[in-house]
Amino acid sequence: MAIAGRCRLCGQNVWLNDQWGCVNGHPWTEITDWYDPAAGTAVTPYWLAQPPAPGPVEAPARVAAPVEPARPEAPVAPPAEIPPMPAVDAPVFATRDAVLPAILAAFAAYGGYNVRYGTGTDVVIDNKVADASWGTGKKKVEYEAVMKAVEGERTIYFWEILKEKGAGLDFGGFEGETTMTMGSKRWGAKKEVVIGPGGKAMDYEWDYAATRHVVEGVAAAHGWQVKVVLRKKSAEW
């Protein structure tokens, strides 16, 4: 059907196109008072018309849920018995009679050491680090260590010393020491060269921690510890 309306821009009633706009090119938003000239009745664009209010909706009839037949009760199983915690073997520590022979055996692989059972202590270690004499003098450097093993504490009390004794004259040389002390332990090395009338008379180098590390390794392998002491009597009985 043909629709007309009043165009605000044209200022008069005009025919409308398929988009409900003015045939003169004006959009539908400029049109008011839409009507059907043939029927003489007012019309409203379909997109502006109010939809009819929905009628009341009847709730669906409530259907009772099917009743499941009772199931026979299953027998209740007794709670599973909790297994006891497996026993853990206590750590096995070597006895004093096992640790001391192991220390002596370990030093057999190192030359220069004289290791033996002591009197008033458990083990004595000697090492003649250097022993030289020349026409105008002489010098001796010796290492000594003693230790006792206290089984009740699983502890080896360890004492050590590097002793030097010399006399006469030399013709110079070199002596250097790079060490670090922490508590009663010393790390580092000492190196010395002595020149005599005929040239080099003494040349040695000593690692302060090397001997102690052998003892500590054996002790740890047997579940013991090593405590370095400053007084020799602390490593004696």
Protein backbone atom coordinates (compact mmCIF):
# COMPACT_ATOMS: atom_id res chain seq x y z
CA MET A 1 0.00 0.00 0.00
CA ALA A 2 1.07 3.60 -0.57
CA ILE A 3 1.99 5.51 2.62
CA ALA A 4 2.20 9.25 3.08
CA GLY A 5 3.36 11.48 5.85
CA ARG A 6 4.39 15.01 6.76
CA CYS A 7 8.04 15.88 5.93
CA ARG A 8 9.46 18.50 8.28
CA LEU A 9 12.07 19.55 5.73
CA CYS A 10 9.60 19.80 2.83
CA GLY A 11 6.96 21.43 5.06
CA GLN A 12 4.11 19.41 3.55
CA ASN A 13 2.60 15.96 3.20
CA VAL A 14 4.60 13.77 0.83
CA TRP A 15 4.59 10.24 -0.47
CA LEU A 16 7.02 7.89 1.27
CA ASN A 17 9.40 5.42 -0.29
CA ASP A 18 10.04 1.81 0.69
CA GLN A 19 12.26 2.96 3.59
CA TRP A 20 9.48 5.19 4.93
CA GLY A 21 11.50 8.23 3.94
CA CYS A 22 10.46 11.27 1.86
CA VAL A 23 10.40 10.71 -1.94
CA ASN A 24 12.45 13.90 -2.11
CA GLY A 25 15.35 12.12 -0.39
CA HIS A 26 14.75 12.99 3.24
CA PRO A 27 15.13 10.11 5.79
CA TRP A 28 12.32 8.61 7.76
CA THR A 29 13.48 10.40 10.89
CA GLU A 30 12.15 13.66 9.32
CA ILE A 31 8.67 12.18 8.78
CA THR A 32 5.73 12.41 11.17
CA ASP A 33 2.06 11.63 11.02
CA TRP A 34 2.28 8.56 8.84
CA TYR A 35 -1.07 7.60 7.25
CA ASP A 36 -2.71 5.50 4.58
CA PRO A 37 -4.37 7.90 2.09
CA ALA A 38 -6.63 5.17 0.65
CA ALA A 39 -8.03 4.11 4.00
CA GLY A 40 -7.64 7.47 5.74
CA THR A 41 -6.14 5.80 8.81
CA ALA A 42 -2.94 6.51 10.70
CA VAL A 43 -0.15 3.96 10.48
CA THR A 44 3.02 3.37 12.44
CA PRO A 45 6.29 1.98 11.09
CA TYR A 46 6.56 -1.64 12.09
CA TRP A 47 9.77 -1.12 14.00
CA LEU A 48 8.12 1.51 16.20
CA ALA A 49 4.96 -0.48 16.87
CA GLN A 50 4.62 -1.93 20.41
CA PRO A 51 4.47 -5.73 20.41
CA PRO A 52 1.35 -7.19 21.98
CA ALA A 53 1.72 -7.96 25.64
CA PRO A 54 2.10 -11.68 26.23
CA GLY A 55 -0.79 -13.41 27.89
CA PRO A 56 -0.45 -15.26 31.17
CA VAL A 57 1.48 -18.47 30.93
CA GLU A 58 0.20 -21.40 32.84
CA ALA A 59 2.81 -23.24 34.82
CA PRO A 60 3.22 -26.83 33.67
CA ALA A 61 1.68 -29.41 35.84
CA ARG A 62 4.14 -30.73 38.39
CA VAL A 63 5.00 -34.33 37.74
CA ALA A 64 6.11 -36.36 40.70
CA ALA A 65 9.57 -37.84 40.31
CA PRO A 66 9.65 -41.62 40.02
CA VAL A 67 10.44 -43.31 43.26
CA GLU A 68 13.42 -45.61 43.02
CA PRO A 69 12.88 -48.87 44.84
CA ALA A 70 14.96 -49.29 47.94
CA ARG A 71 18.22 -51.09 47.37
CA PRO A 72 19.41 -53.72 49.77
CA GLU A 73 22.14 -52.39 52.03
CA ALA A 74 25.58 -53.68 51.17
CA PRO A 75 27.52 -55.16 54.04
CA VAL A 76 29.98 -52.68 55.51
CA ALA A 77 33.52 -53.94 55.18
CA PRO A 78 35.64 -53.62 58.31
CA PRO A 79 38.29 -50.87 58.08
CA ALA A 80 41.55 -52.03 56.63
CA GLU A 81 44.21 -52.50 59.24
CA ILE A 82 46.95 -49.87 59.01
CA PRO A 83 50.26 -51.63 58.56
CA PRO A 84 52.84 -50.77 61.19
CA MET A 85 55.65 -48.40 60.24
CA PRO A 86 58.63 -50.39 59.02
CA ALA A 87 61.47 -50.42 61.44
CA VAL A 88 64.42 -48.23 60.50
CA ASP A 89 67.79 -49.58 61.36
CA ALA A 90 69.74 -47.26 63.58
CA PRO A 91 72.97 -46.00 62.02
CA VAL A 92 75.90 -48.22 62.81
CA PHE A 93 79.02 -46.44 64.01
CA ALA A 94 82.40 -48.08 64.07
CA THR A 95 84.08 -48.73 67.36
CA ARG A 96 87.34 -47.19 68.48
CA ASP A 97 89.11 -50.48 67.76
CA ALA A 98 88.00 -50.22 64.12
CA VAL A 99 88.74 -46.53 63.57
CA LEU A 100 92.32 -46.47 64.83
CA PRO A 101 93.64 -49.33 62.61
CA ALA A 102 91.89 -47.71 59.63
CA ILE A 103 93.81 -44.48 60.24
CA LEU A 104 97.12 -46.32 60.35
CA ALA A 105 96.26 -48.20 57.16
CA ALA A 106 95.29 -45.00 55.32
CA PHE A 107 98.72 -43.42 55.83
CA ALA A 108 100.43 -46.46 54.34
CA ALA A 109 99.54 -44.99 50.92
CA TYR A 110 101.49 -41.79 51.64
CA GLY A 111 105.26 -41.68 51.73
CA GLY A 112 107.29 -39.92 54.39
CA TYR A 113 104.96 -40.64 57.30
CA ASN A 114 105.82 -42.68 60.37
CA VAL A 115 102.46 -43.62 61.93
CA ARG A 116 102.24 -45.78 65.07
CA TYR A 117 100.27 -46.35 68.26
CA GLY A 118 101.45 -44.01 70.98
CA THR A 119 102.06 -44.01 74.70
CA GLY A 120 99.70 -41.72 76.57
CA THR A 121 97.78 -41.15 73.35
CA ASP A 122 96.26 -43.38 70.66
CA VAL A 123 98.16 -42.54 67.46
CA VAL A 124 101.37 -40.62 66.77
CA ILE A 125 102.31 -39.30 63.32
CA ASP A 126 105.81 -38.09 62.41
CA ASN A 127 107.13 -36.71 59.13
CA LYS A 128 110.66 -35.48 58.48
CA VAL A 129 109.73 -32.74 56.08
CA ALA A 130 113.29 -31.54 55.47
CA ASP A 131 116.74 -32.28 56.94
CA ALA A 132 119.81 -30.66 55.41
CA SER A 133 123.28 -29.56 56.39
CA TRP A 134 125.90 -27.56 54.54
CA GLY A 135 129.38 -26.41 55.33
CA THR A 136 128.33 -23.46 57.47
CA GLY A 137 125.01 -24.60 58.89
CA LYS A 138 122.14 -27.06 59.13
CA LYS A 139 118.36 -27.10 59.43
CA LYS A 140 115.66 -29.63 60.21
CA VAL A 141 111.88 -29.33 59.70
CA GLU A 142 109.64 -31.94 61.29
CA TYR A 143 105.90 -32.47 61.51
CA GLU A 144 104.26 -34.14 64.50
CA ALA A 145 100.62 -35.01 65.27
CA VAL A 146 98.97 -36.95 68.10
CA MET A 147 95.36 -37.98 68.51
CA LYS A 148 93.02 -39.79 70.86
CA ALA A 149 89.70 -41.42 70.01
CA VAL A 150 86.86 -41.05 72.51
CA GLU A 151 84.30 -43.70 71.66
CA GLY A 152 81.50 -42.29 73.81
CA GLU A 153 81.64 -39.05 71.76
CA ARG A 154 82.67 -40.66 68.45
CA THR A 155 85.27 -37.89 68.31
CA ILE A 156 88.99 -37.88 67.49
CA TYR A 157 90.90 -35.13 69.28
CA PHE A 158 93.72 -34.07 66.95
CA TRP A 159 96.78 -31.91 67.65
CA GLU A 160 99.57 -31.05 65.18
CA ILE A 161 102.68 -28.91 64.90
CA LEU A 162 105.37 -28.08 62.32
CA LYS A 163 108.75 -27.69 64.09
CA GLU A 164 111.90 -26.04 62.72
CA LYS A 165 115.40 -26.28 64.19
CA GLY A 166 118.57 -24.89 62.64
CA ALA A 167 122.05 -23.56 63.33
CA GLY A 168 124.92 -21.88 61.50
CA LEU A 169 124.92 -19.58 58.53
CA ASP A 170 123.38 -19.80 55.09
CA PHE A 171 123.83 -17.76 51.93
CA GLY A 172 120.24 -16.62 51.55
CA GLY A 173 117.24 -18.28 50.02
CA PHE A 174 113.51 -17.92 50.06
CA GLU A 175 110.79 -18.58 52.61
CA GLY A 176 107.11 -17.99 51.92
CA GLU A 177 103.94 -18.96 53.73
CA THR A 178 100.34 -18.53 52.62
CA THR A 179 98.00 -19.72 55.31
CA MET A 180 94.54 -19.13 56.74
CA THR A 181 93.51 -19.99 60.29
CA MET A 182 89.91 -20.57 61.36
CA GLY A 183 89.45 -21.51 64.98
CA SER A 184 92.09 -24.13 65.69
CA LYS A 185 92.50 -25.25 62.06
CA ARG A 186 95.12 -23.97 59.63
CA TRP A 187 94.98 -24.16 55.84
CA GLY A 188 97.62 -23.21 53.32
CA ALA A 189 101.22 -24.07 52.48
CA LYS A 190 104.74 -23.13 53.42
CA LYS A 191 107.65 -23.18 50.98
CA GLU A 192 111.33 -22.63 51.79
CA VAL A 193 114.58 -22.70 49.85
CA VAL A 194 117.99 -22.44 51.58
CA ILE A 195 121.22 -21.66 49.72
CA GLY A 196 124.49 -23.08 51.01
CA PRO A 197 128.10 -22.68 49.83
CA GLY A 198 127.53 -25.13 46.99
CA GLY A 199 124.14 -23.85 45.90
CA LYS A 200 120.66 -24.99 46.91
CA ALA A 201 120.95 -26.90 50.20
CA MET A 202 117.24 -27.25 51.15
CA ASP A 203 114.00 -27.05 49.20
CA TYR A 204 110.64 -28.15 50.64
CA GLU A 205 106.95 -27.35 50.60
CA TRP A 206 104.41 -28.34 53.25
CA ASP A 207 100.60 -28.38 53.06
CA TYR A 208 99.22 -27.73 56.53
CA ALA A 209 95.83 -29.37 55.91
CA ALA A 210 96.94 -32.48 54.00
CA THR A 211 97.56 -34.75 57.02
CA ARG A 212 94.41 -33.61 58.80
CA HIS A 213 92.30 -34.33 55.72
CA VAL A 214 93.42 -37.97 55.71
CA VAL A 215 92.32 -38.38 59.34
CA GLU A 216 89.02 -36.55 58.70
CA GLY A 217 88.25 -38.76 55.71
CA VAL A 218 88.73 -41.99 57.66
CA ALA A 219 86.75 -40.66 60.63
CA ALA A 220 83.78 -39.59 58.49
CA ALA A 221 83.68 -42.97 56.76
CA HIS A 222 83.26 -44.62 60.19
CA GLY A 223 80.67 -42.18 61.55
CA TRP A 224 83.16 -40.18 63.63
CA GLN A 225 84.25 -36.55 63.67
CA VAL A 226 87.60 -34.82 64.18
CA LYS A 227 88.12 -31.97 66.60
CA VAL A 228 91.37 -30.03 66.29
CA VAL A 229 92.75 -28.85 69.63
CA LEU A 230 95.40 -26.22 70.44
CA ARG A 231 96.93 -28.00 73.44
CA LYS A 232 98.77 -31.30 73.02
CA LYS A 233 97.46 -32.53 76.36
CA SER A 234 93.89 -32.33 74.98
CA ALA A 235 94.83 -35.09 72.53
CA GLU A 236 96.41 -37.28 75.18
CA TRP A 237 94.97 -39.52 77.87
